[in-house]
Every structure is written in C-alpha cells, then in structure tokens.
Protein backbone atom coordinates (compact mmCIF):
# COMPACT_ATOMS: atom_id res chain seq x y z
CA UNK A 1 0.14 -0.04 0.02
CA UNK A 2 3.40 2.86 0.90
CA UNK A 3 4.49 1.63 -2.26
CA UNK A 4 1.34 2.63 -4.52
CA UNK A 5 1.11 6.17 -2.80
CA UNK A 6 4.76 6.53 -3.81
CA UNK A 7 4.47 5.36 -7.47
CA UNK A 8 0.91 7.93 -7.29
CA UNK A 9 2.10 10.66 -5.89
CA UNK A 10 5.23 10.22 -7.98
CA UNK A 11 3.09 9.80 -11.14
CA UNK A 12 0.67 12.70 -10.26
CA UNK A 13 3.60 15.21 -9.36
CA UNK A 14 5.13 14.44 -13.14
CA UNK A 15 1.41 15.42 -14.62
CA UNK A 16 1.20 17.98 -12.73
CA UNK A 17 4.24 19.57 -13.76
CA UNK A 18 3.86 18.54 -17.22
CA UNK A 19 0.65 20.35 -17.33
CA UNK A 20 2.14 23.70 -16.36
CA UNK A 21 4.52 23.86 -18.99
CA UNK A 22 2.66 23.26 -22.12
CA UNK A 23 3.48 26.99 -23.44
CA UNK A 24 7.24 27.31 -23.26
CA UNK A 25 9.37 24.64 -22.85
CA UNK A 26 11.54 23.66 -20.14
CA UNK A 27 15.30 23.59 -20.43
CA UNK A 28 16.93 20.50 -20.59
CA UNK A 29 17.43 19.09 -16.21
CA UNK A 30 18.87 15.90 -15.42
CA UNK A 31 16.30 14.12 -13.31
CA UNK A 32 18.13 12.02 -11.01
CA UNK A 33 16.47 8.56 -10.74
CA UNK A 34 14.49 8.26 -8.00
CA UNK A 35 14.16 5.69 -4.71
CA UNK A 36 11.62 4.76 -3.14
CA UNK A 37 12.81 3.65 0.38
CA UNK A 38 11.73 -0.47 0.49
CA UNK A 39 8.76 -1.14 2.95
CA UNK A 40 10.27 -2.24 6.65
CA UNK A 41 9.39 -6.62 7.12
CA UNK A 42 6.08 -6.53 9.49
CA UNK A 43 5.71 -8.68 12.18
CA UNK A 44 3.81 -12.31 11.02
CA UNK A 45 2.64 -15.05 11.87
CA UNK A 46 4.44 -19.05 11.24
CA UNK A 47 2.17 -22.56 10.91
CA UNK A 48 3.65 -24.18 14.33
CA UNK A 49 3.05 -27.46 15.92
CA UNK A 50 1.61 -28.43 19.12
CA UNK A 51 5.07 -30.18 19.36
CA UNK A 52 6.48 -27.11 19.69
CA UNK A 53 4.26 -24.99 22.99
CA UNK A 54 5.87 -24.99 26.14
CA UNK A 55 3.51 -27.33 28.82
CA UNK A 56 1.20 -27.22 25.86
CA UNK A 57 -0.26 -30.82 27.78
CA UNK A 58 0.34 -29.48 31.38
CA UNK A 59 -1.78 -26.13 31.36
CA UNK A 60 -4.81 -26.07 33.19
CA UNK A 61 -7.35 -25.71 30.37
CA UNK A 62 -10.91 -25.46 32.35
CA UNK A 63 -9.60 -21.90 33.80
CA UNK A 64 -9.38 -20.57 30.68
CA UNK A 65 -12.22 -22.25 29.19
CA UNK A 66 -14.81 -19.49 30.83
CA UNK A 67 -12.82 -16.96 29.24
CA UNK A 68 -12.66 -18.76 25.56
CA UNK A 69 -16.46 -18.75 26.04
CA UNK A 70 -16.64 -15.23 26.62
CA UNK A 71 -14.29 -14.53 23.30
CA UNK A 72 -17.15 -16.36 21.43
CA UNK A 73 -19.83 -14.03 22.78
CA UNK A 74 -18.20 -11.69 20.32
CA UNK A 75 -16.51 -13.73 18.13
CA UNK A 76 -20.00 -16.01 16.99
CA UNK A 77 -21.44 -13.74 14.74
CA UNK A 78 -17.76 -13.98 12.51
CA UNK A 79 -17.88 -16.78 9.56
CA UNK A 80 -14.54 -18.50 10.73
CA UNK A 81 -15.53 -18.59 14.70
CA UNK A 82 -19.17 -20.07 14.43
CA UNK A 83 -18.88 -23.55 14.06
CA UNK A 84 -16.22 -23.69 16.60
CA UNK A 85 -17.93 -21.47 18.80
CA UNK A 86 -21.36 -23.45 18.66
CA UNK A 87 -19.56 -26.58 19.48
CA UNK A 88 -18.08 -24.39 22.40
CA UNK A 89 -21.42 -23.34 23.48
CA UNK A 90 -22.75 -26.62 23.22
CA UNK A 91 -19.86 -29.13 24.57
CA UNK A 92 -19.81 -31.20 27.82
CA UNK A 93 -16.01 -32.51 28.41
CA UNK A 94 -14.98 -29.69 30.26
CA UNK A 95 -12.44 -31.79 31.74
CA UNK A 96 -8.26 -30.79 30.81
CA UNK A 97 -8.31 -34.12 28.38
CA UNK A 98 -10.98 -33.38 26.44
CA UNK A 99 -10.60 -29.50 26.20
CA UNK A 100 -7.21 -30.00 24.47
CA UNK A 101 -8.20 -32.39 22.53
CA UNK A 102 -11.15 -30.18 21.89
CA UNK A 103 -8.22 -26.68 20.77
CA UNK A 104 -6.16 -29.14 18.70
CA UNK A 105 -9.08 -30.53 16.94
CA UNK A 106 -10.70 -27.03 15.63
CA UNK A 107 -7.70 -25.34 15.31
CA UNK A 108 -4.00 -23.95 13.82
CA UNK A 109 -1.32 -22.52 16.56
CA UNK A 110 0.51 -19.64 14.89
CA UNK A 111 3.98 -18.57 16.86
CA UNK A 112 3.76 -15.20 16.37
CA UNK A 113 7.62 -12.92 14.84
CA UNK A 114 8.81 -10.07 15.16
CA UNK A 115 10.01 -7.65 12.51
CA UNK A 116 12.74 -8.83 12.48
CA UNK A 117 12.17 -12.38 12.50
CA UNK A 118 13.07 -13.50 16.62
CA UNK A 119 10.41 -14.58 18.51
CA UNK A 120 10.67 -13.41 22.04
CA UNK A 121 9.55 -9.67 23.18
CA UNK A 122 8.42 -8.49 25.92
CA UNK A 123 5.29 -9.26 28.55
CA UNK A 124 4.02 -6.13 31.27
CA UNK A 125 1.15 -6.40 33.11
CA UNK A 126 -2.37 -4.46 34.06
CA UNK A 127 -4.66 -4.55 36.43
CA UNK A 128 -7.86 -3.25 37.99
CA UNK A 129 -6.46 -0.17 40.67
CA UNK A 130 -9.12 1.08 43.13
CA UNK A 131 -9.02 5.27 44.10
CA UNK A 132 -10.35 7.28 45.66
CA UNK A 133 -12.87 9.90 44.41
CA UNK A 134 -16.25 11.41 44.78
CA UNK A 135 -19.30 12.69 42.42
CA UNK A 136 -18.41 16.38 44.03
CA UNK A 137 -15.95 18.35 43.68
CA UNK A 138 -13.70 19.42 46.50
CA UNK A 139 -10.63 21.03 48.11
CA UNK A 140 -9.56 16.62 48.83
CA UNK A 141 -11.22 15.39 45.63
CA UNK A 142 -10.01 17.75 42.72
CA UNK A 143 -8.42 15.89 39.92
CA UNK A 144 -10.99 14.77 37.33
CA UNK A 145 -11.77 11.97 35.35
CA UNK A 146 -13.58 13.32 32.08
CA UNK A 147 -16.26 11.52 29.14
CA UNK A 148 -15.88 11.87 26.38
CA UNK A 149 -16.21 15.31 24.86
CA UNK A 150 -18.78 16.38 22.71
CA UNK A 151 -15.70 17.42 20.25
CA UNK A 152 -13.56 14.66 19.99
CA UNK A 153 -13.63 13.26 16.03
CA UNK A 154 -13.31 9.57 15.69
CA UNK A 155 -12.05 9.33 11.66
CA UNK A 156 -12.83 5.13 10.36
CA UNK A 157 -11.71 4.76 6.97
CA UNK A 158 -11.44 1.23 6.81
CA UNK A 159 -14.49 0.84 4.96
CA UNK A 160 -13.21 2.52 1.92
CA UNK A 161 -9.46 0.99 3.02
CA UNK A 162 -10.07 -2.93 5.24
CA UNK A 163 -6.45 -2.71 5.62
CA UNK A 164 -6.65 0.22 7.97
CA UNK A 165 -8.89 -1.79 10.26
CA UNK A 166 -7.18 -1.96 13.01
CA UNK A 167 -6.64 2.54 12.36
CA UNK A 168 -8.34 5.25 14.35
CA UNK A 169 -7.56 8.59 14.16
CA UNK A 170 -8.99 11.25 16.44
CA UNK A 171 -8.41 14.92 16.32
CA UNK A 172 -11.45 17.54 16.14
CA UNK A 173 -12.33 20.71 13.98
CA UNK A 174 -11.51 24.17 13.98
CA UNK A 175 -13.38 25.51 10.38
CA UNK A 176 -12.98 23.30 7.91
CA UNK A 177 -10.24 21.56 9.31
CA UNK A 178 -9.13 18.43 11.62
CA UNK A 179 -6.70 19.07 13.87
CA UNK A 180 -4.80 16.91 16.38
CA UNK A 181 -7.05 17.01 19.74
CA UNK A 182 -6.05 18.49 22.55
CA UNK A 183 -2.69 16.81 24.28
CA UNK A 184 -2.28 15.91 28.02
CA UNK A 185 -1.07 18.73 29.40
CA UNK A 186 -3.60 20.78 27.45
CA UNK A 187 -6.59 18.93 29.00
CA UNK A 188 -4.92 19.31 32.38
CA UNK A 189 -4.60 23.26 31.50
CA UNK A 190 -8.66 22.99 31.17
CA UNK A 191 -9.38 22.76 27.57
CA UNK A 192 -12.91 25.16 27.70
CA UNK A 193 -14.45 21.32 25.31
CA UNK A 194 -14.04 19.37 28.78
CA UNK A 195 -15.85 21.89 31.15
CA UNK A 196 -18.90 19.79 32.42
CA UNK A 197 -18.13 16.40 30.60
CA UNK A 198 -16.54 15.37 34.73
CA UNK A 199 -17.52 11.99 35.83
CA UNK A 200 -16.33 11.58 38.83
CA UNK A 201 -13.61 13.40 41.12
CA UNK A 202 -10.04 11.62 43.07
CA UNK A 203 -7.65 12.68 45.10
CA UNK A 204 -4.36 11.74 43.41
CA UNK A 205 -3.53 12.83 40.55
CA UNK A 206 -0.60 10.03 40.38
CA UNK A 207 -3.66 8.00 40.39
CA UNK A 208 -5.47 9.16 37.97
CA UNK A 209 -2.86 9.09 35.90
CA UNK A 210 -1.79 5.06 36.38
CA UNK A 211 -5.82 4.69 35.23
CA UNK A 212 -5.93 5.76 32.07
CA UNK A 213 -2.63 3.34 31.87
CA UNK A 214 -4.61 0.27 32.80
CA UNK A 215 -7.39 1.57 31.01
CA UNK A 216 -10.24 0.66 33.84
CA UNK A 217 -10.69 0.28 37.85
CA UNK A 218 -12.80 1.07 40.33
CA UNK A 219 -12.97 3.66 42.57
CA UNK A 220 -14.81 4.14 46.13
CA UNK A 221 -16.79 7.14 46.86
CA UNK A 222 -17.17 9.56 50.11
CA UNK A 223 -19.90 8.45 50.16
CA UNK A 224 -19.29 4.62 50.65
CA UNK A 225 -20.17 3.27 47.29
CA UNK A 226 -18.12 1.87 44.72
CA UNK A 227 -18.48 1.67 41.35
CA UNK A 228 -16.32 0.51 38.07
CA UNK A 229 -15.52 3.03 35.82
CA UNK A 230 -14.07 1.89 31.92
CA UNK A 231 -12.01 2.99 28.60
CA UNK A 232 -14.43 5.00 26.59
CA UNK A 233 -12.07 7.06 24.75
CA UNK A 234 -8.63 8.30 23.76
CA UNK A 235 -7.50 11.48 22.14
CA UNK A 236 -5.34 10.35 19.80
CA UNK A 237 -1.59 10.60 21.15
CA UNK A 238 0.75 8.12 20.68
CA UNK A 239 1.32 6.29 24.79
CA UNK A 240 5.10 7.49 25.96
CA UNK A 241 6.05 5.38 28.64
CA UNK A 242 7.10 8.32 31.56
CA UNK A 243 9.29 5.49 33.07
CA UNK A 244 11.59 5.06 30.24
CA UNK A 245 12.44 9.37 30.51
CA UNK A 246 12.69 8.56 34.07
CA UNK A 247 15.54 6.21 33.72
CA UNK A 248 17.19 8.11 30.91
CA UNK A 249 17.38 11.52 32.50
CA UNK A 250 19.54 9.27 35.09
CA UNK A 251 16.97 9.78 37.77
CA UNK A 252 15.73 6.49 38.05
CA UNK A 253 18.20 2.75 37.89
CA UNK A 254 16.30 0.78 35.49
CA UNK A 255 15.37 -1.82 38.20
CA UNK A 256 13.15 1.06 39.58
CA UNK A 257 11.42 1.84 36.41
CA UNK A 258 8.18 -0.22 37.83
CA UNK A 259 4.68 1.53 38.77
CA UNK A 260 5.33 2.19 42.25
CA UNK A 261 9.12 3.16 41.49
CA UNK A 262 7.87 5.37 40.04
CA UNK A 263 5.15 6.78 41.62
CA UNK A 264 7.61 7.03 44.57
CA UNK A 265 9.90 9.35 42.66
CA UNK A 266 6.50 11.52 42.79
CA UNK A 267 6.48 11.44 46.55
CA UNK A 268 10.46 13.01 46.37
CA UNK A 269 9.91 15.05 43.91
CA UNK A 270 6.46 16.78 44.05
CA UNK A 271 7.60 20.45 42.22
CA UNK A 272 8.81 18.08 39.01
CA UNK A 273 5.51 15.52 39.14
CA UNK A 274 3.03 17.51 36.77
CA UNK A 275 6.32 18.35 33.83
CA UNK A 276 6.99 14.32 34.44
CA UNK A 277 3.44 13.36 33.78
CA UNK A 278 2.41 15.68 30.36
CA UNK A 279 5.50 13.51 28.97
CA UNK A 280 3.23 11.32 27.98
CA UNK A 281 0.59 13.10 25.63
CA UNK A 282 -2.06 10.37 25.61
CA UNK A 283 -5.00 11.26 27.29
CA UNK A 284 -7.82 8.43 28.34
CA UNK A 285 -11.81 9.41 28.21
CA UNK A 286 -13.26 6.55 31.04
CA UNK A 287 -17.30 5.82 31.26
CA UNK A 288 -19.15 4.65 34.62
CA UNK A 289 -20.56 0.70 33.82
CA UNK A 290 -22.64 -1.60 36.18
CA UNK A 291 -21.09 -2.45 39.18
CA UNK A 292 -22.37 -6.48 38.31
CA UNK A 293 -19.90 -7.24 35.41
CA UNK A 294 -17.70 -9.68 36.49
CA UNK A 295 -14.62 -8.12 35.68
CA UNK A 296 -13.66 -4.86 33.57
CA UNK A 297 -13.93 -4.52 29.92
CA UNK A 298 -11.58 -5.20 27.96
CA UNK A 299 -11.29 -3.87 23.96
CA UNK A 300 -13.00 -6.48 22.84
CA UNK A 301 -16.50 -4.96 24.12
CA UNK A 302 -15.95 -8.30 27.03
CA UNK A 303 -15.66 -8.73 30.78
CA UNK A 304 -12.00 -9.46 31.89
CA UNK A 305 -10.23 -12.54 32.98
CA UNK A 306 -7.77 -11.98 35.73
CA UNK A 307 -5.35 -14.43 34.83
CA UNK A 308 -6.35 -15.10 31.57
CA UNK A 309 -7.45 -11.91 28.99
CA UNK A 310 -3.62 -10.85 27.10
CA UNK A 311 -3.10 -7.03 26.16
CA UNK A 312 -2.44 -7.74 21.90
CA UNK A 313 -1.64 -5.41 19.08
CA UNK A 314 -4.61 -6.25 16.64
CA UNK A 315 -2.70 -5.48 13.67
CA UNK A 316 -1.08 -8.70 14.10
CA UNK A 317 -3.10 -10.66 16.59
CA UNK A 318 -7.01 -10.55 16.26
CA UNK A 319 -9.01 -9.90 18.63
CA UNK A 320 -10.72 -12.57 20.67
CA UNK A 321 -8.50 -15.82 19.75
CA UNK A 322 -6.90 -17.83 22.47
CA UNK A 323 -2.99 -17.22 23.40
CA UNK A 324 -0.69 -19.46 24.66
CA UNK A 325 1.81 -17.40 26.03
CA UNK A 326 5.28 -18.48 27.47
CA UNK A 327 6.70 -15.68 29.97
CA UNK A 328 8.02 -16.41 33.86
CA UNK A 329 6.72 -15.09 36.81
CA UNK A 330 7.28 -11.22 37.32
CA UNK A 331 10.80 -10.40 38.77
CA UNK A 332 11.63 -14.41 38.95
CA UNK A 333 12.96 -17.58 36.59
CA UNK A 334 10.02 -19.58 37.19
CA UNK A 335 7.92 -20.85 34.22
CA UNK A 336 4.47 -18.71 33.32
CA UNK A 337 3.38 -20.79 30.00
CA UNK A 338 -0.65 -20.99 29.57
CA UNK A 339 -3.31 -20.67 27.86
CA UNK A 340 -4.90 -17.22 27.77
CA UNK A 341 -7.85 -14.54 25.31
CA UNK A 342 -6.58 -11.84 23.44
CA UNK A 343 -9.74 -9.64 24.55
CA UNK A 344 -7.73 -6.32 25.42
CA UNK A 345 -5.28 -3.95 23.36
CA UNK A 346 -2.57 -1.12 24.71
CA UNK A 347 -1.20 2.08 23.58
CA UNK A 348 1.77 0.54 24.62
CA UNK A 349 1.22 -2.60 23.23
CA UNK A 350 2.80 -2.21 19.21
CA UNK A 351 4.66 -5.27 17.06
CA UNK A 352 4.74 -8.85 16.95
CA UNK A 353 5.93 -10.35 20.46
CA UNK A 354 3.98 -7.96 22.60
CA UNK A 355 1.39 -8.47 25.38
CA UNK A 356 -0.24 -7.42 28.80
CA UNK A 357 -0.59 -9.66 31.67
CA UNK A 358 -4.56 -9.06 33.66
CA UNK A 359 -3.66 -9.42 36.98
CA UNK A 360 -7.05 -8.68 38.05
CA UNK A 361 -8.26 -6.62 40.88
CA UNK A 362 -6.60 -6.31 44.42
CA UNK A 363 -2.78 -5.03 46.12
CA UNK A 364 -1.64 -8.65 45.05
CA UNK A 365 -2.94 -7.85 41.48
CA UNK A 366 -0.91 -4.27 41.35
CA UNK A 367 1.71 -6.18 42.81
CA UNK A 368 2.18 -8.51 39.81
CA UNK A 369 1.28 -6.44 37.06
CA UNK A 370 3.59 -3.73 38.94
CA UNK A 371 7.05 -5.82 38.23
CA UNK A 372 6.19 -7.78 35.35
CA UNK A 373 8.91 -7.26 33.33
CA UNK A 374 9.45 -10.37 31.46
CA UNK A 375 11.06 -11.83 27.86
CA UNK A 376 8.32 -14.37 26.53
CA UNK A 377 7.04 -16.28 23.31
CA UNK A 378 3.48 -16.76 21.94
CA UNK A 379 1.65 -19.01 19.55
CA UNK A 380 -1.79 -17.39 18.15
CA UNK A 381 -4.86 -19.88 17.89
CA UNK A 382 -7.02 -20.18 14.82
CA UNK A 383 -9.41 -21.49 13.08
CA UNK A 384 -8.29 -24.25 10.53
CA UNK A 385 -9.36 -22.70 8.03
CA UNK A 386 -9.00 -19.49 9.02
CA UNK A 387 -7.14 -16.96 5.85
CA UNK A 388 -3.76 -15.71 7.75
CA UNK A 389 -2.62 -12.84 6.23
CA UNK A 390 0.80 -13.21 4.54
CA UNK A 391 2.84 -10.64 4.98
C-alpha cells in the first residue's frame, strides 16, 4: 500500500509539472533516478505445531474455558469462528483432556514473530486499581475523570481501506480543518471543551495517571459506594513511557522503573511531577460501568478474566483469539506458560511479540502487574480454515 501511494504521488507530480509547462518548453534538466525506500518488514504469524508449545499438555485449560466462551460471545457472528463457538457452547466434557482435544481438533497454532524474524518480546502486566473519589469537586477531590468530550472526532476509513481496519484517527474541527485533539498538558491546563464532562473527582493525580494506563478501575466514593469505570475513548496521541524517561534522565535505575518506583519518585519530587506526567501526551476518557460485571471490559467488549486475559496488538493477533503465552513470573525465572485470550489492547502494546498480562483486582494484582517486565514467546490459535494474512 505504501509503495502504491508513493508511485501515485510521483506520477501525479510529474503529470502536474507537465501540465504547467505547455506554453514554454522547459530547459533540459537531468532528473535523478527515483529511489523508493524499501517497505519495512512486518511482524508475522508462522504455522507451528502443538509439540512446539512449551507445557501445552500441562496447562489447566479448565481455567481458560470461561474466558474462551467470553471471546465467543463477541466472535460468534464472524463466519470463521461460528462453527467453533457453536460447538463450544454445547461442549459438555469440560475436563483438561477433552478440552485439549477440542483445541487441537479445531485450531492451528501459529507462532508470533517480530518484524526482524525473532520470536521473543516483552510481556508486561496490568490490573484493575482501586481509587478514592467523589461525584463532587472539593479541596480533597479535585482531579477529574472525564467522560468522552462532545468535540472529539474519530475518523474511521476501514470501509474504504480495509487494510486500515485497526487504525482510528482522533481530532477536532477548527473551521474546515481537522486538527489533533488536545494533549494531556492542554487538558490538564483546562481545555474548555472538557468543562461539564467530569464523571468523578479523584484525590490523587498519580493514581489518575495510572488509571489511564490500566484502562479501567473501581472508585470508592466518599458516600461509601464503590463504582466501576472503564475505557471509553482516547485523545489520539501515542503512549510515551515516563518510566523510560526517568531512566534516560538518570533519575531512576532501570530496576526501579516500575509503577511503584515511579509513584515513589513522585512523592520525593512533587515539584517535577506535573511536568513528568505531561511528557505522555496520551489521555483516556472513561465511562461508568455496571457494578455487577464480573470484570472490567476490554477492547473486545467482554469482561476480562484475571490471569487469562491478554492485551495484544490487533494488527497482528485477531481480537478474541486464544493465545498461548510462554513467559516467566514477575522478577523470576519460574515458567509462566498458559493459554490466554486476546481480549484487550493498550497504547503501549505495539508489534508482534508484545503483550500485557491482566492480573485482576486488588493489592496482589497491583504488585504483580507493577513488577512484570518479562521476556516471552507467543502462539496464536486460529480456526483451521482461517485466512492468515500474508506479510
């Protein structure tokens, strides 16, 4: 596609040059050869085998089954998934042996590779935090959680260009031009379009920042009520890691650049905190969710399952698909090999072998998620007649 666009622009440019010089022939010029930069390789899926998957016969697939059924509730309308999801709905033998046979009969494993052909990548973690807030602005509760602003424009060109199906552009209209939406710094400085869009007010700006990274959370209100909120939209800017910035600036060692380490840095450097947070221009808008949900809602539109839901790059791995993850426990060499479900995505999750492991809710989940920066490999399981895109 990029090559076609470059050739089209080149041809158009030459055509327009010819049209503007009909009255007077141009002086002879030497036109240098046009060099079109090579299109960089893309991550890809490579057909594999069940024997190649570490500990495939040891995983407790019963624990992944309910998460798989959640995926099917979103995938069952897609032709490639209908037979499998219909079979799963009425599948009665829910023990490890029969479930393993179910997956082996219905799926083909594909190993996920990076653009350079390597098969290892970064696996991080996320969780559902508990925050403290109010529905009313006060001296204590003064950091707003915003709903989706009315002037946020989302551009979706996938109907015209199917290859852009996972690309959404965000912006706002000024006159007849579409311009980027407000950045984090502009929003925090009081962008007028956000007035009146406050869902809640929190007591801590750092917790608000990390809530946006996690994408969902629970808020205990000053009335005693606890409510659940989840991702609704984003301002369109790419995610930028403030932990990496602190390491590059020499303000944190690499082994301390965790969520806990960044929070501790903020306590020790309150005068630098706002400027650091604004280095990440990405901003997330939320919506209130029913408190009866069994888990937060991921990008697939289904509740996430602790220890079995995974955030991936949907340009490489289809949303909802089973993904076998081979990695290690946080800050450990102990193997963590299990079947997961690709039910979410994140601003920092880009590329082939790159994933975010959902740990669930509570202090232990927060502890594990904050420490997790492990190397891992991935296999995506796809229906046997699934059309895998050639890269």
